[in-house]
Amino acid sequence: MLPTALVEKYRHELYDADGEIVKYEIDFTNDGIWDHTTTEPGSVNYTYEETSYDGNIEADFIAVLQVTDDDNRTSNDTKEISVLPSLTD
């Protein structure tokens, strides 16, 4: 069984003072490829692929959240995610 990382609380911290956020993008492995894109705030489940880490050790990833507002301006935030080895095989 592969560990699952849950990204949450972003929706509670985001706002656009002069309009609204129209797009949310998340890159869970900081490889420049958006793994999740949506127009709605909320929580996202992401399962790290076996090839992304050695399942026998802890691995740390930097997740990147980018939001785009209705004026097409963007802002990024990062969050460190620790993936622990599975306790069951």
PDB file of N, CA and C in Angstrom:
ATOM      1  N   MET A   1       0.847  -1.176   0.000  1.00  0.00           N
ATOM      2  CA  MET A   1       0.000   0.000   0.000  1.00  0.00           C
ATOM      3  C   MET A   1       0.894   1.241   0.000  1.00  0.00           C
ATOM      4  N   LEU A   2       0.604   2.191  -0.874  1.00  0.00           N
ATOM      5  CA  LEU A   2       1.384   3.411  -0.962  1.00  0.00           C
ATOM      6  C   LEU A   2       0.790   4.477  -0.054  1.00  0.00           C
ATOM      7  N   PRO A   3       1.640   5.288   0.577  1.00  0.00           N
ATOM      8  CA  PRO A   3       1.139   6.364   1.428  1.00  0.00           C
ATOM      9  C   PRO A   3       0.372   7.390   0.610  1.00  0.00           C
ATOM     10  N   THR A   4      -0.572   8.056   1.238  1.00  0.00           N
ATOM     11  CA  THR A   4      -1.333   9.123   0.603  1.00  0.00           C
ATOM     12  C   THR A   4      -1.059  10.412   1.346  1.00  0.00           C
ATOM     13  N   ALA A   5      -0.771  11.465   0.621  1.00  0.00           N
ATOM     14  CA  ALA A   5      -0.572  12.777   1.223  1.00  0.00           C
ATOM     15  C   ALA A   5      -1.822  13.608   0.986  1.00  0.00           C
ATOM     16  N   LEU A   6      -2.292  14.258   1.999  1.00  0.00           N
ATOM     17  CA  LEU A   6      -3.481  15.090   1.887  1.00  0.00           C
ATOM     18  C   LEU A   6      -3.070  16.544   2.041  1.00  0.00           C
ATOM     19  N   VAL A   7      -3.387  17.348   1.045  1.00  0.00           N
ATOM     20  CA  VAL A   7      -3.120  18.777   1.114  1.00  0.00           C
ATOM     21  C   VAL A   7      -4.426  19.451   1.527  1.00  0.00           C
ATOM     22  N   GLU A   8      -4.381  20.203   2.593  1.00  0.00           N
ATOM     23  CA  GLU A   8      -5.576  20.865   3.086  1.00  0.00           C
ATOM     24  C   GLU A   8      -5.220  22.217   3.678  1.00  0.00           C
ATOM     25  N   LYS A   9      -6.199  22.963   4.104  1.00  0.00           N
ATOM     26  CA  LYS A   9      -6.071  24.260   4.743  1.00  0.00           C
ATOM     27  C   LYS A   9      -5.708  25.380   3.789  1.00  0.00           C
ATOM     28  N   TYR A  10      -5.314  25.098   2.561  1.00  0.00           N
ATOM     29  CA  TYR A  10      -5.028  26.177   1.614  1.00  0.00           C
ATOM     30  C   TYR A  10      -6.269  27.048   1.405  1.00  0.00           C
ATOM     31  N   ARG A  11      -7.419  26.420   1.295  1.00  0.00           N
ATOM     32  CA  ARG A  11      -8.632  27.184   1.011  1.00  0.00           C
ATOM     33  C   ARG A  11      -8.970  28.172   2.120  1.00  0.00           C
ATOM     34  N   HIS A  12      -8.496  27.916   3.332  1.00  0.00           N
ATOM     35  CA  HIS A  12      -8.796  28.808   4.438  1.00  0.00           C
ATOM     36  C   HIS A  12      -7.890  30.040   4.437  1.00  0.00           C
ATOM     37  N   GLU A  13      -6.804  29.982   3.694  1.00  0.00           N
ATOM     38  CA  GLU A  13      -5.820  31.057   3.727  1.00  0.00           C
ATOM     39  C   GLU A  13      -5.826  31.908   2.460  1.00  0.00           C
ATOM     40  N   LEU A  14      -6.625  31.562   1.474  1.00  0.00           N
ATOM     41  CA  LEU A  14      -6.561  32.241   0.188  1.00  0.00           C
ATOM     42  C   LEU A  14      -7.713  33.217  -0.016  1.00  0.00           C
ATOM     43  N   TYR A  15      -7.375  34.361  -0.563  1.00  0.00           N
ATOM     44  CA  TYR A  15      -8.394  35.329  -0.939  1.00  0.00           C
ATOM     45  C   TYR A  15      -7.781  36.274  -1.955  1.00  0.00           C
ATOM     46  N   ASP A  16      -8.632  36.985  -2.661  1.00  0.00           N
ATOM     47  CA  ASP A  16      -8.188  38.003  -3.599  1.00  0.00           C
ATOM     48  C   ASP A  16      -8.896  39.289  -3.203  1.00  0.00           C
ATOM     49  N   ALA A  17      -8.144  40.262  -2.747  1.00  0.00           N
ATOM     50  CA  ALA A  17      -8.721  41.487  -2.196  1.00  0.00           C
ATOM     51  C   ALA A  17      -9.528  42.288  -3.214  1.00  0.00           C
ATOM     52  N   ASP A  18      -9.174  42.190  -4.496  1.00  0.00           N
ATOM     53  CA  ASP A  18      -9.885  43.007  -5.490  1.00  0.00           C
ATOM     54  C   ASP A  18     -10.650  42.179  -6.521  1.00  0.00           C
ATOM     55  N   GLY A  19     -10.969  40.949  -6.192  1.00  0.00           N
ATOM     56  CA  GLY A  19     -11.700  40.107  -7.139  1.00  0.00           C
ATOM     57  C   GLY A  19     -11.869  38.713  -6.590  1.00  0.00           C
ATOM     58  N   GLU A  20     -11.571  37.719  -7.439  1.00  0.00           N
ATOM     59  CA  GLU A  20     -11.723  36.341  -6.990  1.00  0.00           C
ATOM     60  C   GLU A  20     -10.653  35.444  -7.592  1.00  0.00           C
ATOM     61  N   ILE A  21     -10.387  34.345  -6.927  1.00  0.00           N
ATOM     62  CA  ILE A  21      -9.468  33.335  -7.443  1.00  0.00           C
ATOM     63  C   ILE A  21     -10.249  32.466  -8.419  1.00  0.00           C
ATOM     64  N   VAL A  22      -9.686  32.273  -9.606  1.00  0.00           N
ATOM     65  CA  VAL A  22     -10.407  31.533 -10.651  1.00  0.00           C
ATOM     66  C   VAL A  22      -9.761  30.196 -10.992  1.00  0.00           C
ATOM     67  N   LYS A  23      -8.519  29.958 -10.522  1.00  0.00           N
ATOM     68  CA  LYS A  23      -7.864  28.674 -10.810  1.00  0.00           C
ATOM     69  C   LYS A  23      -6.886  28.321  -9.696  1.00  0.00           C
ATOM     70  N   TYR A  24      -6.910  27.033  -9.313  1.00  0.00           N
ATOM     71  CA  TYR A  24      -5.995  26.470  -8.324  1.00  0.00           C
ATOM     72  C   TYR A  24      -5.215  25.351  -9.002  1.00  0.00           C
ATOM     73  N   GLU A  25      -3.889  25.369  -8.880  1.00  0.00           N
ATOM     74  CA  GLU A  25      -3.057  24.318  -9.460  1.00  0.00           C
ATOM     75  C   GLU A  25      -2.093  23.817  -8.391  1.00  0.00           C
ATOM     76  N   ILE A  26      -1.911  22.488  -8.327  1.00  0.00           N
ATOM     77  CA  ILE A  26      -0.999  21.907  -7.347  1.00  0.00           C
ATOM     78  C   ILE A  26      -0.019  20.977  -8.041  1.00  0.00           C
ATOM     79  N   ASP A  27       1.249  21.166  -7.741  1.00  0.00           N
ATOM     80  CA  ASP A  27       2.333  20.297  -8.209  1.00  0.00           C
ATOM     81  C   ASP A  27       2.876  19.605  -6.960  1.00  0.00           C
ATOM     82  N   PHE A  28       2.507  18.343  -6.752  1.00  0.00           N
ATOM     83  CA  PHE A  28       2.850  17.649  -5.514  1.00  0.00           C
ATOM     84  C   PHE A  28       4.315  17.250  -5.410  1.00  0.00           C
ATOM     85  N   THR A  29       5.047  17.186  -6.519  1.00  0.00           N
ATOM     86  CA  THR A  29       6.442  16.746  -6.478  1.00  0.00           C
ATOM     87  C   THR A  29       7.427  17.829  -6.904  1.00  0.00           C
ATOM     88  N   ASN A  30       6.936  19.037  -7.127  1.00  0.00           N
ATOM     89  CA  ASN A  30       7.778  20.169  -7.510  1.00  0.00           C
ATOM     90  C   ASN A  30       8.629  19.867  -8.741  1.00  0.00           C
ATOM     91  N   ASP A  31       8.002  19.178  -9.717  1.00  0.00           N
ATOM     92  CA  ASP A  31       8.712  18.854 -10.963  1.00  0.00           C
ATOM     93  C   ASP A  31       8.287  19.747 -12.126  1.00  0.00           C
ATOM     94  N   GLY A  32       7.473  20.770 -11.841  1.00  0.00           N
ATOM     95  CA  GLY A  32       7.045  21.697 -12.877  1.00  0.00           C
ATOM     96  C   GLY A  32       5.799  21.266 -13.618  1.00  0.00           C
ATOM     97  N   ILE A  33       5.227  20.128 -13.248  1.00  0.00           N
ATOM     98  CA  ILE A  33       4.010  19.622 -13.896  1.00  0.00           C
ATOM     99  C   ILE A  33       2.869  19.697 -12.885  1.00  0.00           C
ATOM    100  N   TRP A  34       1.791  20.383 -13.253  1.00  0.00           N
ATOM    101  CA  TRP A  34       0.643  20.502 -12.354  1.00  0.00           C
ATOM    102  C   TRP A  34      -0.069  19.158 -12.285  1.00  0.00           C
ATOM    103  N   ASP A  35      -0.159  18.597 -11.078  1.00  0.00           N
ATOM    104  CA  ASP A  35      -0.805  17.309 -10.862  1.00  0.00           C
ATOM    105  C   ASP A  35      -2.311  17.439 -10.674  1.00  0.00           C
ATOM    106  N   HIS A  36      -2.762  18.622 -10.297  1.00  0.00           N
ATOM    107  CA  HIS A  36      -4.186  18.849 -10.063  1.00  0.00           C
ATOM    108  C   HIS A  36      -4.516  20.290 -10.425  1.00  0.00           C
ATOM    109  N   THR A  37      -5.569  20.493 -11.206  1.00  0.00           N
ATOM    110  CA  THR A  37      -6.045  21.832 -11.565  1.00  0.00           C
ATOM    111  C   THR A  37      -7.546  21.870 -11.377  1.00  0.00           C
ATOM    112  N   THR A  38      -8.028  22.937 -10.752  1.00  0.00           N
ATOM    113  CA  THR A  38      -9.464  23.083 -10.528  1.00  0.00           C
ATOM    114  C   THR A  38      -9.825  24.557 -10.440  1.00  0.00           C
ATOM    115  N   THR A  39     -11.110  24.841 -10.560  1.00  0.00           N
ATOM    116  CA  THR A  39     -11.603  26.201 -10.371  1.00  0.00           C
ATOM    117  C   THR A  39     -12.260  26.362  -9.005  1.00  0.00           C
ATOM    118  N   GLU A  40     -12.333  25.283  -8.234  1.00  0.00           N
ATOM    119  CA  GLU A  40     -12.983  25.289  -6.925  1.00  0.00           C
ATOM    120  C   GLU A  40     -11.964  25.037  -5.813  1.00  0.00           C
ATOM    121  N   PRO A  41     -12.066  25.772  -4.685  1.00  0.00           N
ATOM    122  CA  PRO A  41     -11.182  25.496  -3.550  1.00  0.00           C
ATOM    123  C   PRO A  41     -11.580  24.181  -2.885  1.00  0.00           C
ATOM    124  N   GLY A  42     -10.664  23.613  -2.131  1.00  0.00           N
ATOM    125  CA  GLY A  42     -10.974  22.395  -1.402  1.00  0.00           C
ATOM    126  C   GLY A  42      -9.740  21.566  -1.146  1.00  0.00           C
ATOM    127  N   SER A  43      -9.938  20.407  -0.570  1.00  0.00           N
ATOM    128  CA  SER A  43      -8.850  19.486  -0.260  1.00  0.00           C
ATOM    129  C   SER A  43      -8.644  18.508  -1.397  1.00  0.00           C
ATOM    130  N   VAL A  44      -7.413  18.030  -1.527  1.00  0.00           N
ATOM    131  CA  VAL A  44      -7.061  17.116  -2.606  1.00  0.00           C
ATOM    132  C   VAL A  44      -6.269  15.949  -2.044  1.00  0.00           C
ATOM    133  N   ASN A  45      -6.620  14.727  -2.425  1.00  0.00           N
ATOM    134  CA  ASN A  45      -5.821  13.550  -2.090  1.00  0.00           C
ATOM    135  C   ASN A  45      -4.847  13.281  -3.221  1.00  0.00           C
ATOM    136  N   TYR A  46      -3.636  12.916  -2.868  1.00  0.00           N
ATOM    137  CA  TYR A  46      -2.633  12.584  -3.877  1.00  0.00           C
ATOM    138  C   TYR A  46      -1.840  11.383  -3.388  1.00  0.00           C
ATOM    139  N   THR A  47      -1.714  10.364  -4.219  1.00  0.00           N
ATOM    140  CA  THR A  47      -0.925   9.187  -3.879  1.00  0.00           C
ATOM    141  C   THR A  47       0.406   9.269  -4.600  1.00  0.00           C
ATOM    142  N   TYR A  48       1.499   9.239  -3.841  1.00  0.00           N
ATOM    143  CA  TYR A  48       2.821   9.267  -4.447  1.00  0.00           C
ATOM    144  C   TYR A  48       3.107   7.922  -5.090  1.00  0.00           C
ATOM    145  N   GLU A  49       3.546   7.948  -6.326  1.00  0.00           N
ATOM    146  CA  GLU A  49       3.859   6.725  -7.065  1.00  0.00           C
ATOM    147  C   GLU A  49       5.091   6.054  -6.478  1.00  0.00           C
ATOM    148  N   GLU A  50       5.129   4.758  -6.593  1.00  0.00           N
ATOM    149  CA  GLU A  50       6.237   3.980  -6.030  1.00  0.00           C
ATOM    150  C   GLU A  50       7.584   4.420  -6.582  1.00  0.00           C
ATOM    151  N   THR A  51       7.613   4.875  -7.826  1.00  0.00           N
ATOM    152  CA  THR A  51       8.870   5.302  -8.434  1.00  0.00           C
ATOM    153  C   THR A  51       9.330   6.668  -7.910  1.00  0.00           C
ATOM    154  N   SER A  52       8.463   7.376  -7.171  1.00  0.00           N
ATOM    155  CA  SER A  52       8.816   8.700  -6.664  1.00  0.00           C
ATOM    156  C   SER A  52       9.669   8.651  -5.412  1.00  0.00           C
ATOM    157  N   TYR A  53       9.683   7.523  -4.727  1.00  0.00           N
ATOM    158  CA  TYR A  53      10.420   7.414  -3.476  1.00  0.00           C
ATOM    159  C   TYR A  53      10.725   5.950  -3.212  1.00  0.00           C
ATOM    160  N   ASP A  54      11.661   5.708  -2.326  1.00  0.00           N
ATOM    161  CA  ASP A  54      11.974   4.353  -1.883  1.00  0.00           C
ATOM    162  C   ASP A  54      11.031   4.034  -0.739  1.00  0.00           C
ATOM    163  N   GLY A  55      10.116   3.104  -0.924  1.00  0.00           N
ATOM    164  CA  GLY A  55       9.070   2.811   0.049  1.00  0.00           C
ATOM    165  C   GLY A  55       9.566   2.358   1.404  1.00  0.00           C
ATOM    166  N   ASN A  56      10.869   2.094   1.550  1.00  0.00           N
ATOM    167  CA  ASN A  56      11.408   1.640   2.820  1.00  0.00           C
ATOM    168  C   ASN A  56      11.892   2.775   3.711  1.00  0.00           C
ATOM    169  N   ILE A  57      11.937   3.988   3.181  1.00  0.00           N
ATOM    170  CA  ILE A  57      12.424   5.111   3.974  1.00  0.00           C
ATOM    171  C   ILE A  57      11.460   6.286   3.874  1.00  0.00           C
ATOM    172  N   GLU A  58      11.614   7.213   4.779  1.00  0.00           N
ATOM    173  CA  GLU A  58      10.821   8.439   4.732  1.00  0.00           C
ATOM    174  C   GLU A  58      11.302   9.296   3.569  1.00  0.00           C
ATOM    175  N   ALA A  59      10.371   9.969   2.904  1.00  0.00           N
ATOM    176  CA  ALA A  59      10.732  10.859   1.808  1.00  0.00           C
ATOM    177  C   ALA A  59      10.037  12.197   2.020  1.00  0.00           C
ATOM    178  N   ASP A  60      10.721  13.270   1.676  1.00  0.00           N
ATOM    179  CA  ASP A  60      10.145  14.606   1.781  1.00  0.00           C
ATOM    180  C   ASP A  60       9.951  15.178   0.387  1.00  0.00           C
ATOM    181  N   PHE A  61       8.820  15.811   0.180  1.00  0.00           N
ATOM    182  CA  PHE A  61       8.497  16.449  -1.080  1.00  0.00           C
ATOM    183  C   PHE A  61       8.084  17.886  -0.804  1.00  0.00           C
ATOM    184  N   ILE A  62       8.280  18.744  -1.776  1.00  0.00           N
ATOM    185  CA  ILE A  62       7.783  20.110  -1.703  1.00  0.00           C
ATOM    186  C   ILE A  62       6.613  20.199  -2.670  1.00  0.00           C
ATOM    187  N   ALA A  63       5.433  20.476  -2.137  1.00  0.00           N
ATOM    188  CA  ALA A  63       4.248  20.682  -2.977  1.00  0.00           C
ATOM    189  C   ALA A  63       4.122  22.176  -3.252  1.00  0.00           C
ATOM    190  N   VAL A  64       3.734  22.514  -4.474  1.00  0.00           N
ATOM    191  CA  VAL A  64       3.578  23.903  -4.874  1.00  0.00           C
ATOM    192  C   VAL A  64       2.117  24.148  -5.223  1.00  0.00           C
ATOM    193  N   LEU A  65       1.543  25.164  -4.625  1.00  0.00           N
ATOM    194  CA  LEU A  65       0.190  25.594  -4.951  1.00  0.00           C
ATOM    195  C   LEU A  65       0.292  26.915  -5.693  1.00  0.00           C
ATOM    196  N   GLN A  66      -0.338  27.006  -6.848  1.00  0.00           N
ATOM    197  CA  GLN A  66      -0.401  28.271  -7.583  1.00  0.00           C
ATOM    198  C   GLN A  66      -1.858  28.638  -7.767  1.00  0.00           C
ATOM    199  N   VAL A  67      -2.193  29.875  -7.474  1.00  0.00           N
ATOM    200  CA  VAL A  67      -3.539  30.368  -7.713  1.00  0.00           C
ATOM    201  C   VAL A  67      -3.473  31.480  -8.750  1.00  0.00           C
ATOM    202  N   THR A  68      -4.537  31.573  -9.533  1.00  0.00           N
ATOM    203  CA  THR A  68      -4.665  32.616 -10.547  1.00  0.00           C
ATOM    204  C   THR A  68      -5.949  33.383 -10.257  1.00  0.00           C
ATOM    205  N   ASP A  69      -5.869  34.712 -10.275  1.00  0.00           N
ATOM    206  CA  ASP A  69      -7.072  35.492 -10.011  1.00  0.00           C
ATOM    207  C   ASP A  69      -7.722  35.950 -11.309  1.00  0.00           C
ATOM    208  N   ASP A  70      -8.830  36.670 -11.167  1.00  0.00           N
ATOM    209  CA  ASP A  70      -9.604  37.095 -12.331  1.00  0.00           C
ATOM    210  C   ASP A  70      -8.919  38.188 -13.143  1.00  0.00           C
ATOM    211  N   ASP A  71      -7.790  38.702 -12.674  1.00  0.00           N
ATOM    212  CA  ASP A  71      -6.969  39.639 -13.448  1.00  0.00           C
ATOM    213  C   ASP A  71      -5.771  38.925 -14.072  1.00  0.00           C
ATOM    214  N   ASN A  72      -5.772  37.581 -14.008  1.00  0.00           N
ATOM    215  CA  ASN A  72      -4.718  36.711 -14.544  1.00  0.00           C
ATOM    216  C   ASN A  72      -3.383  36.884 -13.818  1.00  0.00           C
ATOM    217  N   ARG A  73      -3.430  37.348 -12.570  1.00  0.00           N
ATOM    218  CA  ARG A  73      -2.233  37.418 -11.742  1.00  0.00           C
ATOM    219  C   ARG A  73      -2.114  36.104 -10.986  1.00  0.00           C
ATOM    220  N   THR A  74      -0.873  35.653 -10.763  1.00  0.00           N
ATOM    221  CA  THR A  74      -0.648  34.390 -10.060  1.00  0.00           C
ATOM    222  C   THR A  74       0.137  34.614  -8.781  1.00  0.00           C
ATOM    223  N   SER A  75      -0.027  33.670  -7.860  1.00  0.00           N
ATOM    224  CA  SER A  75       0.735  33.660  -6.621  1.00  0.00           C
ATOM    225  C   SER A  75       0.985  32.206  -6.258  1.00  0.00           C
ATOM    226  N   ASN A  76       2.169  31.921  -5.700  1.00  0.00           N
ATOM    227  CA  ASN A  76       2.543  30.558  -5.329  1.00  0.00           C
ATOM    228  C   ASN A  76       2.768  30.443  -3.833  1.00  0.00           C
ATOM    229  N   ASP A  77       2.557  29.233  -3.329  1.00  0.00           N
ATOM    230  CA  ASP A  77       2.866  28.895  -1.953  1.00  0.00           C
ATOM    231  C   ASP A  77       3.423  27.474  -1.965  1.00  0.00           C
ATOM    232  N   THR A  78       4.290  27.161  -1.027  1.00  0.00           N
ATOM    233  CA  THR A  78       4.844  25.810  -0.957  1.00  0.00           C
ATOM    234  C   THR A  78       4.550  25.197   0.398  1.00  0.00           C
ATOM    235  N   LYS A  79       4.542  23.865   0.421  1.00  0.00           N
ATOM    236  CA  LYS A  79       4.318  23.129   1.655  1.00  0.00           C
ATOM    237  C   LYS A  79       5.168  21.868   1.610  1.00  0.00           C
ATOM    238  N   GLU A  80       5.933  21.615   2.683  1.00  0.00           N
ATOM    239  CA  GLU A  80       6.721  20.379   2.753  1.00  0.00           C
ATOM    240  C   GLU A  80       5.811  19.247   3.194  1.00  0.00           C
ATOM    241  N   ILE A  81       5.901  18.129   2.492  1.00  0.00           N
ATOM    242  CA  ILE A  81       5.107  16.945   2.800  1.00  0.00           C
ATOM    243  C   ILE A  81       6.069  15.787   3.058  1.00  0.00           C
ATOM    244  N   SER A  82       5.924  15.141   4.218  1.00  0.00           N
ATOM    245  CA  SER A  82       6.728  13.958   4.543  1.00  0.00           C
ATOM    246  C   SER A  82       5.898  12.719   4.300  1.00  0.00           C
ATOM    247  N   VAL A  83       6.452  11.806   3.524  1.00  0.00           N
ATOM    248  CA  VAL A  83       5.796  10.523   3.241  1.00  0.00           C
ATOM    249  C   VAL A  83       6.531   9.461   4.050  1.00  0.00           C
ATOM    250  N   LEU A  84       5.797   8.781   4.922  1.00  0.00           N
ATOM    251  CA  LEU A  84       6.386   7.758   5.778  1.00  0.00           C
ATOM    252  C   LEU A  84       6.205   6.385   5.162  1.00  0.00           C
ATOM    253  N   PRO A  85       7.066   5.430   5.480  1.00  0.00           N
ATOM    254  CA  PRO A  85       6.919   4.085   4.930  1.00  0.00           C
ATOM    255  C   PRO A  85       5.612   3.461   5.402  1.00  0.00           C
ATOM    256  N   SER A  86       5.059   2.629   4.562  1.00  0.00           N
ATOM    257  CA  SER A  86       3.823   1.937   4.897  1.00  0.00           C
ATOM    258  C   SER A  86       4.080   0.939   6.023  1.00  0.00           C
ATOM    259  N   LEU A  87       3.145   0.839   6.948  1.00  0.00           N
ATOM    260  CA  LEU A  87       3.281  -0.116   8.043  1.00  0.00           C
ATOM    261  C   LEU A  87       2.788  -1.493   7.658  1.00  0.00           C
ATOM    262  N   THR A  88       2.077  -1.588   6.529  1.00  0.00           N
ATOM    263  CA  THR A  88       1.586  -2.871   6.047  1.00  0.00           C
ATOM    264  C   THR A  88       2.126  -3.117   4.657  1.00  0.00           C
ATOM    265  N   ASP A  89       2.305  -4.351   4.302  1.00  0.00           N
ATOM    266  CA  ASP A  89       2.794  -4.671   2.954  1.00  0.00           C
ATOM    267  C   ASP A  89       1.648  -5.138   2.093  1.00  0.00           C
TER     268      ASP A  89
END
